[in-house]
């Protein structure tokens, strides 16, 4: 009753001051976060191979670092997974590949004679190494097409009118062996290859533009069975992730393939959920379902419900702003992309990430192209980091990427960082009310595995500053260390140094058209006299004091806890003080 009254009182006070009460409920729990990611398609090969070492290092730091500068501003967005494209071999084919843009052609580790050349794709491998160096633990190998030696038309796309799979009927086991061999190679180099994703957007025809193949559900199931054999024979811990659907509705809509039921219902002829290497999750892209608030909410809720029927996780494995401009009613600028700024596009991305987390319960969220050029008036719809060839003076780039180019950190990247930098693997989403407006404040909260840190991410789609008052029920937030990081048109994940570092219950301002992350860290407490830090004051603590006095141990090993009497050295006074604590 006391808690209810305190919340009501706080709510009335907040309303009187024009504040919004945001209530956190850690007893209401949802998904555990596995990671936030981006992919190395397409231009990281060029950056890693041709750009200067300073610019390559800058890209790696922006994507993977968790360090901060002297003012506490993050130096990078701390991605916790990295998606690596296993190319099919269109690069050596040149113009004969049928792919006009050379940056979308990819080399292949497998050679025509059946041997492997692991020196291929050095640019991609550079960023794999940098990701591991910065502490990224999860790597996903994904394929858009089988190697060209195994395809029906000898190409890495489907310009032959195929409506099922471009893979030769006799090469399913060969393709599976290629995927598993690649995983084993990189696992032996120390990379944690958590997943292989063997198909990509299988419902598309992929007749031009990039490597790709269509796949029927039955062909996906057949390939998955072969890949399970190949993975198992190598004793790999790597799991298979399917189906990388082009849009969420393909997962549950009977007219779109109903892939969740198809692959994970034991009654289905294409059931593969019982295979040892198949992970109990579904991967999908967040395309084609973001234009309206209704799509953002109800499509994702339908995915969550379908996945829950089979106890599956949901991974959002690829998104960039591919489709038509979202509606004005959903908060996108009138005039669409022509009127939108880079910050408008980044803000709407934040709204999509929140919707994926809140409504679809995704355990992983991945951006599509980590690095790309800005072209054709697309602004920042397709990149986190903008690339320009040397000498170019505008945002847009059309020159070859085979020289020492320039790199620019975009607001897209820092907006993703509001999530990826602070919501770490193992954090669990918990209940949050008061910030549930798709056109206003839209928030989510996460609790660290040790229960000591809360992370709140709040997107303000509105045009006015909002003041919020945080309440966590029985958890008193006063005295917590608080930090606030803002990304908007003028800030790039900037730490708000005007905010007191110790939370005292005051309202927190959320800037208009911004993405804001608030971290709350429980202050460290120690039991007086608990020298060894085991949360108990007993004879073991007394033994430590005696050993320190005898010279067989050192006080500095115990972080100041040995000075029980309050002095600056350990002596008999500390022993007496501790005895009093133990006895009385």
Protein backbone atom coordinates (compact mmCIF):
# COMPACT_ATOMS: atom_id res chain seq x y z
CA UNK A 1 0.00 0.00 0.00
CA UNK A 2 2.85 2.34 0.82
CA UNK A 3 4.40 1.73 -2.61
CA UNK A 4 1.11 2.39 -4.39
CA UNK A 5 0.57 5.62 -2.44
CA UNK A 6 4.12 6.80 -3.14
CA UNK A 7 3.70 6.19 -6.87
CA UNK A 8 0.35 8.01 -6.88
CA UNK A 9 1.84 10.93 -4.97
CA UNK A 10 4.81 11.07 -7.34
CA UNK A 11 2.46 10.93 -10.31
CA UNK A 12 0.35 13.83 -9.03
CA UNK A 13 3.45 15.88 -8.35
CA UNK A 14 4.82 15.15 -11.81
CA UNK A 15 1.53 16.08 -13.48
CA UNK A 16 1.44 19.34 -11.56
CA UNK A 17 4.86 20.28 -12.92
CA UNK A 18 4.15 19.16 -16.52
CA UNK A 19 6.28 16.04 -16.10
CA UNK A 20 5.70 12.53 -17.40
CA UNK A 21 5.92 9.72 -14.88
CA UNK A 22 7.85 6.79 -16.34
CA UNK A 23 7.57 3.66 -14.21
CA UNK A 24 10.00 0.75 -14.41
CA UNK A 25 8.79 -2.68 -13.31
CA UNK A 26 11.58 -5.25 -12.99
CA UNK A 27 9.08 -7.93 -12.01
CA UNK A 28 7.76 -7.84 -15.57
CA UNK A 29 10.39 -9.48 -17.77
CA UNK A 30 10.71 -10.05 -21.49
CA UNK A 31 13.52 -11.14 -23.83
CA UNK A 32 17.20 -11.38 -22.98
CA UNK A 33 19.35 -9.46 -25.44
CA UNK A 34 21.98 -11.49 -27.31
CA UNK A 35 23.61 -8.73 -29.35
CA UNK A 36 23.43 -5.73 -31.67
CA UNK A 37 25.15 -6.09 -35.02
CA UNK A 38 25.85 -4.82 -38.52
CA UNK A 39 27.08 -6.52 -41.69
CA UNK A 40 30.26 -6.11 -43.71
CA UNK A 41 28.42 -5.82 -47.04
CA UNK A 42 29.45 -4.43 -49.40
CA UNK A 43 32.16 -1.81 -49.11
CA UNK A 44 34.13 -2.96 -46.09
CA UNK A 45 36.17 -5.07 -48.49
CA UNK A 46 37.24 -1.86 -50.24
CA UNK A 47 37.80 0.08 -47.02
CA UNK A 48 39.85 -2.73 -45.50
CA UNK A 49 41.88 -3.21 -48.66
CA UNK A 50 42.43 0.28 -50.08
CA UNK A 51 41.81 2.99 -47.47
CA UNK A 52 44.55 4.43 -45.30
CA UNK A 53 45.35 2.71 -42.04
CA UNK A 54 44.15 5.80 -40.14
CA UNK A 55 40.74 5.65 -41.81
CA UNK A 56 40.44 1.88 -41.43
CA UNK A 57 41.23 2.20 -37.73
CA UNK A 58 38.71 5.01 -37.40
CA UNK A 59 35.93 2.85 -38.89
CA UNK A 60 36.80 -0.06 -36.59
CA UNK A 61 36.84 2.19 -33.52
CA UNK A 62 33.49 3.75 -34.38
CA UNK A 63 31.84 0.36 -34.88
CA UNK A 64 33.37 -1.72 -32.11
CA UNK A 65 34.92 0.40 -29.36
CA UNK A 66 33.39 0.74 -25.89
CA UNK A 67 35.92 3.37 -24.78
CA UNK A 68 35.07 6.96 -23.89
CA UNK A 69 36.88 10.27 -24.10
CA UNK A 70 37.83 12.40 -21.09
CA UNK A 71 34.29 13.85 -20.91
CA UNK A 72 32.65 10.43 -20.96
CA UNK A 73 31.50 10.59 -24.59
CA UNK A 74 31.60 7.17 -26.28
CA UNK A 75 34.26 6.76 -28.97
CA UNK A 76 32.29 3.99 -30.66
CA UNK A 77 28.95 2.19 -30.61
CA UNK A 78 30.26 -1.09 -29.18
CA UNK A 79 28.61 -3.57 -31.56
CA UNK A 80 28.49 -7.02 -29.99
CA UNK A 81 28.14 -9.10 -33.17
CA UNK A 82 29.50 -8.86 -36.69
CA UNK A 83 27.85 -10.39 -39.75
CA UNK A 84 30.28 -11.60 -42.42
CA UNK A 85 29.23 -12.24 -46.01
CA UNK A 86 30.54 -15.47 -47.52
CA UNK A 87 30.86 -14.48 -51.16
CA UNK A 88 29.88 -16.73 -54.04
CA UNK A 89 32.64 -15.75 -56.47
CA UNK A 90 31.12 -13.03 -58.64
CA UNK A 91 34.20 -10.77 -58.37
CA UNK A 92 36.47 -12.86 -60.63
CA UNK A 93 33.65 -12.98 -63.22
CA UNK A 94 33.71 -9.19 -63.63
CA UNK A 95 31.05 -7.87 -66.00
CA UNK A 96 30.14 -11.46 -66.85
CA UNK A 97 28.69 -11.81 -63.36
CA UNK A 98 25.59 -9.86 -64.38
CA UNK A 99 26.16 -7.51 -61.43
CA UNK A 100 26.79 -4.00 -62.74
CA UNK A 101 28.10 -2.44 -59.51
CA UNK A 102 31.55 -3.92 -58.92
CA UNK A 103 31.34 -3.17 -55.19
CA UNK A 104 28.47 -5.67 -54.95
CA UNK A 105 30.48 -8.47 -56.46
CA UNK A 106 32.14 -10.71 -53.89
CA UNK A 107 35.08 -13.09 -54.07
CA UNK A 108 34.90 -16.67 -52.79
CA UNK A 109 37.27 -18.68 -50.62
CA UNK A 110 36.45 -21.81 -52.61
CA UNK A 111 38.27 -22.08 -55.94
CA UNK A 112 37.18 -23.79 -59.16
CA UNK A 113 39.49 -26.74 -58.52
CA UNK A 114 37.89 -27.43 -55.13
CA UNK A 115 40.73 -25.97 -53.04
CA UNK A 116 40.39 -23.03 -50.66
CA UNK A 117 42.31 -19.78 -50.82
CA UNK A 118 41.95 -18.18 -47.40
CA UNK A 119 43.84 -15.07 -48.50
CA UNK A 120 40.78 -13.93 -50.47
CA UNK A 121 38.57 -11.11 -49.16
CA UNK A 122 41.39 -9.41 -47.19
CA UNK A 123 39.31 -6.29 -46.51
CA UNK A 124 36.54 -8.30 -44.93
CA UNK A 125 39.04 -10.28 -42.91
CA UNK A 126 40.68 -7.06 -41.70
CA UNK A 127 37.42 -5.98 -40.07
CA UNK A 128 36.79 -9.43 -38.66
CA UNK A 129 40.15 -9.19 -36.93
CA UNK A 130 39.48 -5.65 -35.68
CA UNK A 131 36.09 -6.69 -34.33
CA UNK A 132 37.69 -9.55 -32.38
CA UNK A 133 40.45 -7.23 -31.17
CA UNK A 134 37.86 -4.82 -29.77
CA UNK A 135 36.10 -7.64 -27.95
CA UNK A 136 33.26 -8.60 -30.29
CA UNK A 137 32.40 -12.18 -29.36
CA UNK A 138 29.71 -13.22 -31.84
CA UNK A 139 30.30 -13.69 -35.58
CA UNK A 140 27.67 -14.78 -38.09
CA UNK A 141 28.58 -16.13 -41.53
CA UNK A 142 25.82 -15.48 -44.04
CA UNK A 143 25.43 -16.45 -47.66
CA UNK A 144 23.48 -14.75 -50.43
CA UNK A 145 24.26 -17.40 -53.03
CA UNK A 146 26.00 -20.73 -53.32
CA UNK A 147 29.45 -20.60 -54.95
CA UNK A 148 29.13 -20.07 -58.68
CA UNK A 149 30.57 -23.54 -59.35
CA UNK A 150 27.44 -25.04 -57.81
CA UNK A 151 24.73 -22.86 -59.37
CA UNK A 152 22.52 -23.80 -62.30
CA UNK A 153 23.54 -20.81 -64.42
CA UNK A 154 27.13 -20.52 -63.21
CA UNK A 155 26.37 -17.14 -61.67
CA UNK A 156 25.69 -15.77 -58.19
CA UNK A 157 22.25 -14.40 -59.16
CA UNK A 158 19.13 -15.78 -60.77
CA UNK A 159 18.95 -14.37 -64.29
CA UNK A 160 17.82 -17.75 -65.59
CA UNK A 161 14.18 -17.53 -64.49
CA UNK A 162 14.49 -19.98 -61.60
CA UNK A 163 11.67 -19.79 -59.07
CA UNK A 164 13.02 -22.27 -56.55
CA UNK A 165 16.77 -22.40 -55.95
CA UNK A 166 19.67 -21.60 -58.22
CA UNK A 167 21.63 -24.41 -56.57
CA UNK A 168 22.16 -27.49 -58.72
CA UNK A 169 20.16 -30.42 -57.46
CA UNK A 170 23.29 -32.54 -57.00
CA UNK A 171 25.18 -29.82 -55.08
CA UNK A 172 23.22 -29.40 -51.83
CA UNK A 173 25.81 -31.38 -49.92
CA UNK A 174 28.65 -29.48 -51.63
CA UNK A 175 27.20 -26.11 -50.64
CA UNK A 176 26.72 -27.34 -47.07
CA UNK A 177 30.35 -28.49 -46.98
CA UNK A 178 31.51 -25.07 -48.18
CA UNK A 179 29.58 -23.32 -45.43
CA UNK A 180 30.76 -25.67 -42.68
CA UNK A 181 34.36 -25.63 -43.92
CA UNK A 182 34.36 -21.84 -43.80
CA UNK A 183 32.96 -21.87 -40.26
CA UNK A 184 35.57 -24.41 -39.14
CA UNK A 185 38.39 -22.34 -40.65
CA UNK A 186 37.44 -19.18 -38.79
CA UNK A 187 36.60 -21.03 -35.59
CA UNK A 188 40.12 -22.48 -35.66
CA UNK A 189 41.44 -18.91 -35.92
CA UNK A 190 39.68 -18.03 -32.67
CA UNK A 191 36.43 -16.53 -33.96
CA UNK A 192 33.25 -17.53 -32.19
CA UNK A 193 31.09 -18.41 -35.20
CA UNK A 194 27.74 -18.52 -33.46
CA UNK A 195 25.63 -19.00 -36.58
CA UNK A 196 25.64 -19.83 -40.25
CA UNK A 197 22.79 -18.23 -42.20
CA UNK A 198 22.67 -20.22 -45.45
CA UNK A 199 19.92 -18.32 -47.33
CA UNK A 200 18.95 -14.68 -47.63
CA UNK A 201 15.50 -13.26 -48.38
CA UNK A 202 14.50 -16.50 -50.14
CA UNK A 203 11.17 -15.12 -51.37
CA UNK A 204 12.88 -12.66 -53.78
CA UNK A 205 13.87 -13.59 -57.34
CA UNK A 206 17.31 -11.89 -57.28
CA UNK A 207 17.60 -11.38 -61.02
CA UNK A 208 20.10 -8.51 -60.82
CA UNK A 209 21.91 -6.02 -58.59
CA UNK A 210 23.78 -8.36 -56.25
CA UNK A 211 24.47 -11.96 -55.34
CA UNK A 212 21.25 -13.76 -54.43
CA UNK A 213 19.00 -16.75 -54.95
CA UNK A 214 15.36 -17.55 -54.42
CA UNK A 215 14.53 -20.61 -52.35
CA UNK A 216 11.35 -22.58 -51.72
CA UNK A 217 10.67 -23.69 -48.17
CA UNK A 218 11.29 -27.30 -49.17
CA UNK A 219 14.69 -26.42 -50.66
CA UNK A 220 15.62 -24.49 -47.51
CA UNK A 221 14.72 -27.51 -45.40
CA UNK A 222 16.77 -29.80 -47.65
CA UNK A 223 19.82 -27.53 -47.44
CA UNK A 224 19.39 -27.20 -43.67
CA UNK A 225 19.47 -30.99 -43.25
CA UNK A 226 22.68 -31.22 -45.28
CA UNK A 227 24.26 -28.35 -43.37
CA UNK A 228 23.38 -29.99 -40.06
CA UNK A 229 25.31 -33.09 -41.17
CA UNK A 230 28.33 -31.01 -42.19
CA UNK A 231 28.40 -29.02 -38.95
CA UNK A 232 27.92 -32.12 -36.80
CA UNK A 233 30.71 -34.01 -38.57
CA UNK A 234 33.12 -31.21 -37.61
CA UNK A 235 32.00 -31.06 -33.96
CA UNK A 236 31.27 -27.34 -34.30
CA UNK A 237 29.18 -25.44 -31.78
CA UNK A 238 27.94 -23.23 -34.63
CA UNK A 239 24.17 -23.13 -35.10
CA UNK A 240 22.06 -22.74 -38.23
CA UNK A 241 19.93 -19.61 -38.47
CA UNK A 242 16.96 -19.64 -40.83
CA UNK A 243 15.19 -18.27 -42.80
CA UNK A 244 16.40 -14.62 -43.06
CA UNK A 245 12.92 -13.69 -44.26
CA UNK A 246 12.60 -10.53 -46.35
CA UNK A 247 9.84 -9.22 -44.08
CA UNK A 248 8.17 -10.21 -40.82
CA UNK A 249 4.86 -11.19 -42.39
CA UNK A 250 6.55 -13.99 -44.34
CA UNK A 251 7.12 -15.70 -41.01
CA UNK A 252 3.46 -16.03 -40.05
CA UNK A 253 1.30 -15.27 -43.10
CA UNK A 254 0.00 -18.45 -44.84
CA UNK A 255 0.09 -16.57 -48.14
CA UNK A 256 3.71 -15.57 -47.63
CA UNK A 257 5.15 -18.95 -46.73
CA UNK A 258 4.30 -19.22 -43.01
CA UNK A 259 7.92 -20.08 -42.37
CA UNK A 260 7.77 -20.35 -38.58
CA UNK A 261 5.17 -23.10 -38.76
CA UNK A 262 6.79 -24.70 -41.82
CA UNK A 263 10.20 -25.19 -40.22
CA UNK A 264 9.33 -25.62 -36.54
CA UNK A 265 6.01 -27.50 -36.43
CA UNK A 266 6.69 -31.26 -36.05
CA UNK A 267 3.67 -31.97 -38.26
CA UNK A 268 5.23 -30.11 -41.21
CA UNK A 269 6.95 -32.07 -43.99
CA UNK A 270 9.69 -29.41 -43.93
CA UNK A 271 10.22 -29.60 -40.16
CA UNK A 272 13.87 -29.10 -39.18
CA UNK A 273 13.45 -27.91 -35.60
CA UNK A 274 14.66 -31.24 -34.24
CA UNK A 275 18.08 -31.05 -35.91
CA UNK A 276 20.99 -30.67 -33.50
CA UNK A 277 22.52 -27.66 -35.25
CA UNK A 278 19.32 -25.71 -35.90
CA UNK A 279 18.96 -22.87 -33.41
CA UNK A 280 15.52 -22.28 -31.97
CA UNK A 281 15.19 -18.84 -33.44
CA UNK A 282 13.90 -17.21 -36.58
CA UNK A 283 15.78 -14.52 -38.46
CA UNK A 284 13.88 -11.85 -40.34
CA UNK A 285 14.47 -8.47 -41.90
CA UNK A 286 12.47 -5.47 -40.77
CA UNK A 287 11.65 -4.26 -44.28
CA UNK A 288 8.26 -3.40 -45.79
CA UNK A 289 6.45 -3.16 -42.44
CA UNK A 290 7.51 0.25 -41.12
CA UNK A 291 5.41 2.80 -42.96
CA UNK A 292 2.63 3.21 -40.41
CA UNK A 293 2.24 2.87 -36.66
CA UNK A 294 -0.20 0.01 -37.18
CA UNK A 295 2.39 -1.94 -39.19
CA UNK A 296 5.09 -1.21 -36.64
CA UNK A 297 3.05 -2.59 -33.78
CA UNK A 298 0.66 -5.26 -35.00
CA UNK A 299 2.92 -6.98 -37.54
CA UNK A 300 5.59 -7.36 -34.90
CA UNK A 301 3.16 -8.56 -32.26
CA UNK A 302 2.00 -11.21 -34.73
CA UNK A 303 5.62 -12.36 -35.17
CA UNK A 304 6.10 -12.58 -31.43
CA UNK A 305 2.92 -14.60 -30.99
CA UNK A 306 3.84 -17.01 -33.80
CA UNK A 307 7.35 -17.47 -32.39
CA UNK A 308 6.04 -17.99 -28.86
CA UNK A 309 3.95 -20.95 -30.07
CA UNK A 310 7.19 -22.83 -30.76
CA UNK A 311 9.32 -21.26 -28.03
CA UNK A 312 11.54 -19.46 -30.56
CA UNK A 313 13.68 -16.37 -30.26
CA UNK A 314 13.30 -13.68 -32.89
CA UNK A 315 16.35 -12.02 -34.49
CA UNK A 316 16.04 -8.89 -36.65
CA UNK A 317 18.95 -9.60 -38.95
CA UNK A 318 18.91 -6.80 -41.52
CA UNK A 319 17.45 -3.33 -41.93
CA UNK A 320 18.13 -0.13 -43.80
CA UNK A 321 15.63 2.42 -45.08
CA UNK A 322 14.89 0.52 -48.27
CA UNK A 323 11.17 1.13 -48.81
CA UNK A 324 9.02 4.15 -49.58
CA UNK A 325 9.06 6.99 -47.07
CA UNK A 326 6.97 6.34 -43.93
CA UNK A 327 3.72 8.25 -43.48
CA UNK A 328 3.44 11.70 -41.98
CA UNK A 329 1.01 10.24 -39.44
CA UNK A 330 3.84 8.00 -38.22
CA UNK A 331 6.05 11.03 -37.57
CA UNK A 332 8.04 11.22 -40.80
CA UNK A 333 8.43 14.67 -42.36
CA UNK A 334 5.86 15.82 -44.88
CA UNK A 335 7.55 15.68 -48.27
CA UNK A 336 9.10 12.26 -47.62
CA UNK A 337 12.75 11.63 -48.27
CA UNK A 338 13.20 14.88 -50.20
CA UNK A 339 12.26 16.86 -47.08
CA UNK A 340 13.85 14.54 -44.51
CA UNK A 341 17.21 15.34 -42.98
CA UNK A 342 19.83 12.80 -42.01
CA UNK A 343 18.66 13.25 -38.41
CA UNK A 344 15.02 12.57 -39.40
CA UNK A 345 16.03 9.29 -41.01
CA UNK A 346 18.11 8.28 -37.98
CA UNK A 347 15.29 9.13 -35.59
CA UNK A 348 12.82 6.99 -37.51
CA UNK A 349 15.34 4.15 -37.42
CA UNK A 350 15.37 4.49 -33.62
CA UNK A 351 11.58 4.19 -33.64
CA UNK A 352 11.86 0.99 -35.69
CA UNK A 353 14.49 -0.46 -33.34
CA UNK A 354 12.25 0.28 -30.36
CA UNK A 355 9.27 -1.30 -32.12
CA UNK A 356 11.29 -4.43 -32.92
CA UNK A 357 12.42 -4.67 -29.29
CA UNK A 358 9.09 -3.89 -27.68
CA UNK A 359 6.56 -5.57 -29.97
CA UNK A 360 8.52 -8.37 -31.67
CA UNK A 361 10.68 -9.12 -28.61
CA UNK A 362 13.78 -9.40 -30.80
CA UNK A 363 16.86 -10.70 -29.00
CA UNK A 364 19.22 -9.34 -31.68
CA UNK A 365 19.03 -6.30 -33.96
CA UNK A 366 21.28 -5.77 -36.96
CA UNK A 367 21.81 -2.94 -39.42
CA UNK A 368 22.48 -3.84 -43.04
CA UNK A 369 25.48 -2.00 -44.49
CA UNK A 370 27.92 -0.70 -41.91
CA UNK A 371 29.72 1.35 -44.57
CA UNK A 372 28.42 2.63 -47.90
CA UNK A 373 28.47 5.53 -50.30
CA UNK A 374 25.71 8.13 -50.41
CA UNK A 375 24.15 8.21 -53.87
CA UNK A 376 21.10 9.21 -55.90
CA UNK A 377 19.67 11.50 -53.24
CA UNK A 378 19.29 8.61 -50.77
CA UNK A 379 21.04 10.52 -47.99
CA UNK A 380 21.91 8.18 -45.10
CA UNK A 381 19.28 5.54 -45.77
CA UNK A 382 21.83 2.76 -46.35
CA UNK A 383 24.83 3.28 -44.11
CA UNK A 384 26.15 3.87 -40.63
CA UNK A 385 29.44 5.30 -41.90
CA UNK A 386 29.62 7.31 -45.11
CA UNK A 387 32.38 6.62 -47.63
CA UNK A 388 33.80 9.04 -50.16
CA UNK A 389 36.58 8.65 -52.66
CA UNK A 390 39.54 10.93 -52.17
CA UNK A 391 38.92 14.40 -53.57
CA UNK A 392 35.13 14.30 -53.49
CA UNK A 393 33.63 17.39 -51.87
CA UNK A 394 29.93 16.51 -51.52
CA UNK A 395 28.23 13.81 -49.47
CA UNK A 396 27.46 11.82 -52.59
CA UNK A 397 30.10 9.56 -54.07
CA UNK A 398 30.40 7.99 -57.51
CA UNK A 399 34.16 7.56 -57.95
CA UNK A 400 35.92 4.22 -57.59
CA UNK A 401 36.57 2.95 -54.07
CA UNK A 402 39.98 1.57 -55.02
CA UNK A 403 41.94 4.52 -53.65
CA UNK A 404 42.49 6.03 -50.24
CA UNK A 405 39.07 7.42 -49.47
CA UNK A 406 37.39 9.36 -46.68
CA UNK A 407 35.12 8.13 -43.88
CA UNK A 408 32.43 10.08 -42.00
CA UNK A 409 30.50 9.02 -38.92
CA UNK A 410 26.79 9.53 -39.46
CA UNK A 411 23.98 10.23 -37.02
CA UNK A 412 22.59 6.80 -38.00
CA UNK A 413 25.56 5.12 -36.40
CA UNK A 414 25.39 7.07 -33.17
CA UNK A 415 21.63 6.52 -32.94
CA UNK A 416 22.16 2.77 -33.14
CA UNK A 417 24.79 3.31 -30.45
CA UNK A 418 22.11 4.56 -28.07
CA UNK A 419 21.08 0.90 -28.00
CA UNK A 420 24.18 -1.14 -28.86
CA UNK A 421 26.68 0.70 -26.68
CA UNK A 422 24.68 0.27 -23.46
CA UNK A 423 22.33 -2.72 -23.85
CA UNK A 424 24.92 -5.46 -23.57
CA UNK A 425 24.57 -9.24 -24.10
CA UNK A 426 22.64 -10.79 -21.23
CA UNK A 427 20.66 -7.66 -20.37
CA UNK A 428 16.96 -8.38 -19.97
CA UNK A 429 14.15 -6.11 -21.08
CA UNK A 430 11.80 -5.29 -18.22
CA UNK A 431 8.48 -3.52 -17.86
CA UNK A 432 8.17 0.20 -18.57
CA UNK A 433 5.08 2.40 -18.69
CA UNK A 434 4.62 6.08 -19.35
CA UNK A 435 6.69 6.11 -22.57
CA UNK A 436 4.54 4.05 -24.89
CA UNK A 437 3.58 6.56 -27.58
CA UNK A 438 4.73 5.76 -31.12
CA UNK A 439 4.42 9.44 -32.02
CA UNK A 440 5.71 10.79 -28.72
CA UNK A 441 7.89 9.19 -26.07
CA UNK A 442 8.65 5.56 -26.87
CA UNK A 443 10.92 3.84 -24.36
CA UNK A 444 12.30 0.52 -23.20
CA UNK A 445 14.32 -0.48 -20.12
CA UNK A 446 16.93 -3.20 -19.56
CA UNK A 447 18.41 -4.74 -16.41
CA UNK A 448 21.98 -6.01 -16.27
CA UNK A 449 22.56 -9.67 -15.31
CA UNK A 450 23.93 -8.67 -11.89
CA UNK A 451 20.94 -6.41 -11.22
CA UNK A 452 23.15 -3.38 -10.64
CA UNK A 453 22.49 -1.35 -13.78
CA UNK A 454 19.33 -0.10 -15.47
CA UNK A 455 19.46 1.17 -19.05
CA UNK A 456 16.55 3.22 -20.37
CA UNK A 457 16.38 4.18 -24.05
CA UNK A 458 13.76 6.78 -24.92
CA UNK A 459 12.91 8.01 -28.41
CA UNK A 460 11.13 11.37 -28.53
CA UNK A 461 9.33 11.61 -31.87
CA UNK A 462 7.70 14.87 -30.82
CA UNK A 463 8.82 18.43 -31.45
CA UNK A 464 8.80 19.52 -27.79
CA UNK A 465 11.10 18.83 -24.88
CA UNK A 466 9.60 16.35 -22.43
CA UNK A 467 10.43 16.10 -18.72
CA UNK A 468 10.24 12.64 -17.24
CA UNK A 469 10.35 11.46 -13.67
CA UNK A 470 11.67 7.92 -13.27
CA UNK A 471 10.19 5.58 -10.71
CA UNK A 472 11.29 1.98 -10.20
CA UNK A 473 8.80 0.83 -7.58
CA UNK A 474 10.55 -0.72 -4.61
CA UNK A 475 13.97 0.06 -6.10
CA UNK A 476 14.93 3.51 -4.82
CA UNK A 477 16.88 5.21 -7.61
CA UNK A 478 18.04 8.12 -5.45
CA UNK A 479 21.79 7.88 -4.98
CA UNK A 480 22.29 5.88 -8.17
CA UNK A 481 25.00 7.06 -10.54
CA UNK A 482 23.19 8.50 -13.53
CA UNK A 483 24.43 9.29 -17.01
CA UNK A 484 22.52 10.53 -20.03
CA UNK A 485 23.56 10.28 -23.68
CA UNK A 486 21.78 12.13 -26.49
CA UNK A 487 21.71 11.74 -30.26
CA UNK A 488 19.87 14.25 -32.43
CA UNK A 489 20.57 16.74 -35.20
CA UNK A 490 23.41 18.33 -33.22
CA UNK A 491 24.59 15.59 -30.84
CA UNK A 492 26.29 12.26 -31.52
CA UNK A 493 25.75 10.06 -28.48
CA UNK A 494 26.90 13.00 -26.39
CA UNK A 495 27.04 12.68 -22.62
CA UNK A 496 24.99 15.39 -20.88
CA UNK A 497 27.50 16.90 -18.46
CA UNK A 498 24.91 19.29 -17.02
CA UNK A 499 23.14 16.41 -15.28
CA UNK A 500 24.30 15.64 -11.71
CA UNK A 501 26.09 12.30 -11.66
CA UNK A 502 24.12 11.18 -8.61
CA UNK A 503 20.39 10.84 -9.18
CA UNK A 504 18.40 12.90 -6.68
CA UNK A 505 14.90 12.35 -8.04
CA UNK A 506 14.80 15.44 -10.20
CA UNK A 507 13.08 15.37 -13.60
CA UNK A 508 15.14 14.39 -16.64
CA UNK A 509 14.70 16.34 -19.87
CA UNK A 510 14.27 14.45 -23.14
CA UNK A 511 15.09 16.70 -26.07
CA UNK A 512 12.69 16.94 -29.04
CA UNK A 513 13.35 14.66 -32.02
CA UNK A 514 16.06 12.78 -30.15
CA UNK A 515 17.16 9.38 -28.97
CA UNK A 516 18.28 9.40 -25.33
CA UNK A 517 19.92 6.71 -23.24
CA UNK A 518 19.87 6.93 -19.45
CA UNK A 519 22.05 4.60 -17.40
CA UNK A 520 21.49 4.14 -13.67
CA UNK A 521 24.15 2.31 -11.67
CA UNK A 522 23.56 1.07 -8.16
CA UNK A 523 26.13 2.54 -5.77
CA UNK A 524 28.66 0.13 -4.38
CA UNK A 525 27.97 -0.69 -0.74
CA UNK A 526 30.10 -2.65 1.68
CA UNK A 527 29.37 -4.10 5.09
CA UNK A 528 31.52 -2.43 7.74
CA UNK A 529 34.10 -4.95 8.91
CA UNK A 530 33.62 -7.23 5.89
CA UNK A 531 37.32 -7.23 5.02
CA UNK A 532 37.23 -10.07 2.47
CA UNK A 533 34.06 -8.82 0.76
CA UNK A 534 31.92 -11.92 1.26
CA UNK A 535 29.02 -9.93 2.78
CA UNK A 536 29.64 -11.48 6.23
CA UNK A 537 31.63 -10.17 9.20
CA UNK A 538 33.24 -13.16 10.92
CA UNK A 539 36.48 -14.81 12.06
CA UNK A 540 37.84 -15.01 8.48
CA UNK A 541 37.98 -11.19 8.41
CA UNK A 542 39.79 -11.20 11.76
CA UNK A 543 42.39 -13.65 10.41
CA UNK A 544 43.13 -11.27 7.53
CA UNK A 545 43.78 -8.38 9.94
CA UNK A 546 46.13 -10.53 11.97
CA UNK A 547 48.01 -11.59 8.83
CA UNK A 548 48.35 -7.95 7.75
CA UNK A 549 49.77 -7.01 11.16
CA UNK A 550 52.18 -9.98 10.98
CA UNK A 551 53.28 -8.93 7.49
CA UNK A 552 52.04 -11.97 5.60
CA UNK A 553 49.27 -10.04 3.80
CA UNK A 554 48.73 -6.47 2.62
CA UNK A 555 45.94 -4.03 3.40
CA UNK A 556 45.85 -2.78 -0.20
CA UNK A 557 44.61 -6.20 -1.29
CA UNK A 558 41.24 -5.39 0.32
CA UNK A 559 40.34 -2.00 -1.13
CA UNK A 560 40.33 -0.04 2.13
CA UNK A 561 38.04 -2.49 3.93
CA UNK A 562 40.85 -3.49 6.32
CA UNK A 563 40.87 -0.08 8.05
CA UNK A 564 38.01 -1.04 10.35
CA UNK A 565 38.77 1.59 13.02
CA UNK A 566 38.97 4.38 10.44
CA UNK A 567 42.72 4.89 10.57
CA UNK A 568 45.29 4.83 7.80
CA UNK A 569 47.15 1.72 8.89
CA UNK A 570 46.12 -1.66 10.25
CA UNK A 571 46.93 -2.26 13.93
CA UNK A 572 45.42 -3.58 17.15
CA UNK A 573 42.74 -0.86 17.07
CA UNK A 574 41.31 -2.45 13.91
CA UNK A 575 41.35 -5.87 15.55
CA UNK A 576 39.45 -4.56 18.59
CA UNK A 577 36.92 -2.76 16.39
CA UNK A 578 36.30 -5.91 14.39
CA UNK A 579 35.97 -8.05 17.53
CA UNK A 580 33.26 -5.68 18.78
CA UNK A 581 31.40 -6.06 15.47
CA UNK A 582 31.62 -9.86 15.61
CA UNK A 583 30.67 -10.17 19.30
CA UNK A 584 28.06 -7.45 19.56
